[in-house]
Amino acid sequence: MNSNNESHSINKQAIDEDLINAVQKRPALYDYRMPLKERSRQNNDLWKKVSEDLNGIYTPIEAEKRWNYLKDRYRKSVNSYKIIQESSLSLKEAVQLVFLKIN
């Protein structure tokens, strides 16, 4: 990987971390224990604030899409980890077999 790609990767990771922190400050965006009516009413304004926290790097719609992607990726990795823990495979064996989940 050249330094330009490494820099892009690091920047993307930093932006993702900033996005996660911005969402974390706004429970209505992720806490489904809150009443739906209350969450729905605040949704657009909260994503605008997230976008502002990120200095406009993402529009509110882009921020929401990226958040959903990160959240889904996190859930999949947690589920994969649980499967590995519950199986008799060693971690090394499980990592070697990850390609099977792609198909």
C-alpha atoms as a PDB file:
ATOM      1  CA  MET A   1       0.000   0.000   0.000  1.00  0.00           C
ATOM      2  CA  ASN A   2       1.468   3.385  -0.900  1.00  0.00           C
ATOM      3  CA  SER A   3       1.489   6.289   1.539  1.00  0.00           C
ATOM      4  CA  ASN A   4      -1.401   8.016  -0.255  1.00  0.00           C
ATOM      5  CA  ASN A   5      -3.633   4.964   0.241  1.00  0.00           C
ATOM      6  CA  GLU A   6      -2.442   4.605   3.840  1.00  0.00           C
ATOM      7  CA  SER A   7      -3.264   8.254   4.476  1.00  0.00           C
ATOM      8  CA  HIS A   8      -6.714   7.835   2.926  1.00  0.00           C
ATOM      9  CA  SER A   9      -7.322   4.745   5.067  1.00  0.00           C
ATOM     10  CA  ILE A  10      -6.251   6.533   8.243  1.00  0.00           C
ATOM     11  CA  ASN A  11      -8.411   9.542   7.401  1.00  0.00           C
ATOM     12  CA  LYS A  12     -11.421   7.297   6.708  1.00  0.00           C
ATOM     13  CA  GLN A  13     -10.915   5.553  10.033  1.00  0.00           C
ATOM     14  CA  ALA A  14     -10.660   8.887  11.864  1.00  0.00           C
ATOM     15  CA  ILE A  15     -13.834  10.117  10.162  1.00  0.00           C
ATOM     16  CA  ASP A  16     -15.622   6.891  11.115  1.00  0.00           C
ATOM     17  CA  GLU A  17     -14.530   7.363  14.726  1.00  0.00           C
ATOM     18  CA  ASP A  18     -15.792  10.955  14.671  1.00  0.00           C
ATOM     19  CA  LEU A  19     -19.086   9.755  13.190  1.00  0.00           C
ATOM     20  CA  ILE A  20     -19.484   7.127  15.904  1.00  0.00           C
ATOM     21  CA  ASN A  21     -18.780   9.726  18.600  1.00  0.00           C
ATOM     22  CA  ALA A  22     -21.265  12.159  17.061  1.00  0.00           C
ATOM     23  CA  VAL A  23     -23.994   9.510  16.922  1.00  0.00           C
ATOM     24  CA  GLN A  24     -23.225   8.335  20.452  1.00  0.00           C
ATOM     25  CA  LYS A  25     -24.074  11.830  21.742  1.00  0.00           C
ATOM     26  CA  ARG A  26     -27.574  11.448  20.267  1.00  0.00           C
ATOM     27  CA  PRO A  27     -29.310   8.347  21.689  1.00  0.00           C
ATOM     28  CA  ALA A  28     -32.460   8.910  19.640  1.00  0.00           C
ATOM     29  CA  LEU A  29     -30.464   7.794  16.572  1.00  0.00           C
ATOM     30  CA  TYR A  30     -29.687   4.357  17.962  1.00  0.00           C
ATOM     31  CA  ASP A  31     -31.614   3.632  21.175  1.00  0.00           C
ATOM     32  CA  TYR A  32     -34.704   1.740  20.122  1.00  0.00           C
ATOM     33  CA  ARG A  33     -36.002   1.740  23.696  1.00  0.00           C
ATOM     34  CA  MET A  34     -37.054   5.346  23.134  1.00  0.00           C
ATOM     35  CA  PRO A  35     -40.584   5.783  21.791  1.00  0.00           C
ATOM     36  CA  LEU A  36     -40.718   5.680  17.990  1.00  0.00           C
ATOM     37  CA  LYS A  37     -42.687   8.908  17.788  1.00  0.00           C
ATOM     38  CA  GLU A  38     -40.035  10.763  19.771  1.00  0.00           C
ATOM     39  CA  ARG A  39     -37.170   9.308  17.713  1.00  0.00           C
ATOM     40  CA  SER A  40     -38.871  10.002  14.382  1.00  0.00           C
ATOM     41  CA  ARG A  41     -39.615  13.592  15.263  1.00  0.00           C
ATOM     42  CA  GLN A  42     -35.952  14.303  16.056  1.00  0.00           C
ATOM     43  CA  ASN A  43     -34.352  12.174  13.350  1.00  0.00           C
ATOM     44  CA  ASN A  44     -33.708  14.752  10.597  1.00  0.00           C
ATOM     45  CA  ASP A  45     -32.480  17.425  12.992  1.00  0.00           C
ATOM     46  CA  LEU A  46     -30.144  14.999  14.717  1.00  0.00           C
ATOM     47  CA  TRP A  47     -28.554  13.853  11.454  1.00  0.00           C
ATOM     48  CA  LYS A  48     -28.043  17.526  10.531  1.00  0.00           C
ATOM     49  CA  LYS A  49     -26.219  18.006  13.846  1.00  0.00           C
ATOM     50  CA  VAL A  50     -24.100  14.920  13.185  1.00  0.00           C
ATOM     51  CA  SER A  51     -23.185  16.376   9.785  1.00  0.00           C
ATOM     52  CA  GLU A  52     -22.256  19.662  11.467  1.00  0.00           C
ATOM     53  CA  ASP A  53     -20.099  17.815  14.025  1.00  0.00           C
ATOM     54  CA  LEU A  54     -18.245  16.292  11.072  1.00  0.00           C
ATOM     55  CA  ASN A  55     -17.763  19.745   9.511  1.00  0.00           C
ATOM     56  CA  GLY A  56     -19.888  18.773   6.528  1.00  0.00           C
ATOM     57  CA  ILE A  57     -17.649  15.873   5.473  1.00  0.00           C
ATOM     58  CA  TYR A  58     -20.888  13.914   5.135  1.00  0.00           C
ATOM     59  CA  THR A  59     -24.316  15.294   4.360  1.00  0.00           C
ATOM     60  CA  PRO A  60     -26.994  14.204   6.846  1.00  0.00           C
ATOM     61  CA  ILE A  61     -28.102  11.459   4.435  1.00  0.00           C
ATOM     62  CA  GLU A  62     -24.517  10.274   3.827  1.00  0.00           C
ATOM     63  CA  ALA A  63     -23.829  10.263   7.575  1.00  0.00           C
ATOM     64  CA  GLU A  64     -26.898   8.122   8.199  1.00  0.00           C
ATOM     65  CA  LYS A  65     -25.931   5.691   5.423  1.00  0.00           C
ATOM     66  CA  ARG A  66     -22.356   5.419   6.690  1.00  0.00           C
ATOM     67  CA  TRP A  67     -23.626   4.893  10.263  1.00  0.00           C
ATOM     68  CA  ASN A  68     -25.931   2.102   9.108  1.00  0.00           C
ATOM     69  CA  TYR A  69     -23.036   0.475   7.241  1.00  0.00           C
ATOM     70  CA  LEU A  70     -20.756   0.644  10.303  1.00  0.00           C
ATOM     71  CA  LYS A  71     -23.510  -0.603  12.601  1.00  0.00           C
ATOM     72  CA  ASP A  72     -24.287  -3.550  10.306  1.00  0.00           C
ATOM     73  CA  ARG A  73     -20.607  -4.402   9.932  1.00  0.00           C
ATOM     74  CA  TYR A  74     -20.206  -4.322  13.718  1.00  0.00           C
ATOM     75  CA  ARG A  75     -23.207  -6.600  14.263  1.00  0.00           C
ATOM     76  CA  LYS A  76     -21.925  -9.090  11.692  1.00  0.00           C
ATOM     77  CA  SER A  77     -18.501  -9.183  13.313  1.00  0.00           C
ATOM     78  CA  VAL A  78     -20.042  -9.709  16.762  1.00  0.00           C
ATOM     79  CA  ASN A  79     -22.186 -12.541  15.424  1.00  0.00           C
ATOM     80  CA  SER A  80     -19.178 -14.114  13.701  1.00  0.00           C
ATOM     81  CA  TYR A  81     -17.200 -13.901  16.931  1.00  0.00           C
ATOM     82  CA  LYS A  82     -20.015 -15.612  18.850  1.00  0.00           C
ATOM     83  CA  ILE A  83     -20.091 -18.429  16.296  1.00  0.00           C
ATOM     84  CA  ILE A  84     -16.329 -18.884  16.599  1.00  0.00           C
ATOM     85  CA  GLN A  85     -16.563 -18.948  20.403  1.00  0.00           C
ATOM     86  CA  GLU A  86     -19.328 -21.541  20.360  1.00  0.00           C
ATOM     87  CA  SER A  87     -17.612 -23.790  17.835  1.00  0.00           C
ATOM     88  CA  SER A  88     -14.749 -26.162  18.437  1.00  0.00           C
ATOM     89  CA  LEU A  89     -12.618 -24.400  15.817  1.00  0.00           C
ATOM     90  CA  SER A  90      -9.495 -22.602  16.881  1.00  0.00           C
ATOM     91  CA  LEU A  91      -9.338 -18.917  16.028  1.00  0.00           C
ATOM     92  CA  LYS A  92      -6.671 -19.630  13.405  1.00  0.00           C
ATOM     93  CA  GLU A  93      -8.898 -22.230  11.738  1.00  0.00           C
ATOM     94  CA  ALA A  94     -11.893 -19.924  11.855  1.00  0.00           C
ATOM     95  CA  VAL A  95      -9.958 -17.066  10.245  1.00  0.00           C
ATOM     96  CA  GLN A  96      -8.770 -19.384   7.490  1.00  0.00           C
ATOM     97  CA  LEU A  97     -12.375 -20.387   6.776  1.00  0.00           C
ATOM     98  CA  VAL A  98     -13.800 -16.858   6.671  1.00  0.00           C
ATOM     99  CA  PHE A  99     -13.794 -16.950   2.879  1.00  0.00           C
ATOM    100  CA  LEU A 100     -16.660 -19.462   3.055  1.00  0.00           C
ATOM    101  CA  LYS A 101     -18.994 -16.770   4.426  1.00  0.00           C
ATOM    102  CA  ILE A 102     -18.429 -14.630   1.329  1.00  0.00           C
ATOM    103  CA  ASN A 103     -20.109 -17.101  -1.015  1.00  0.00           C
END
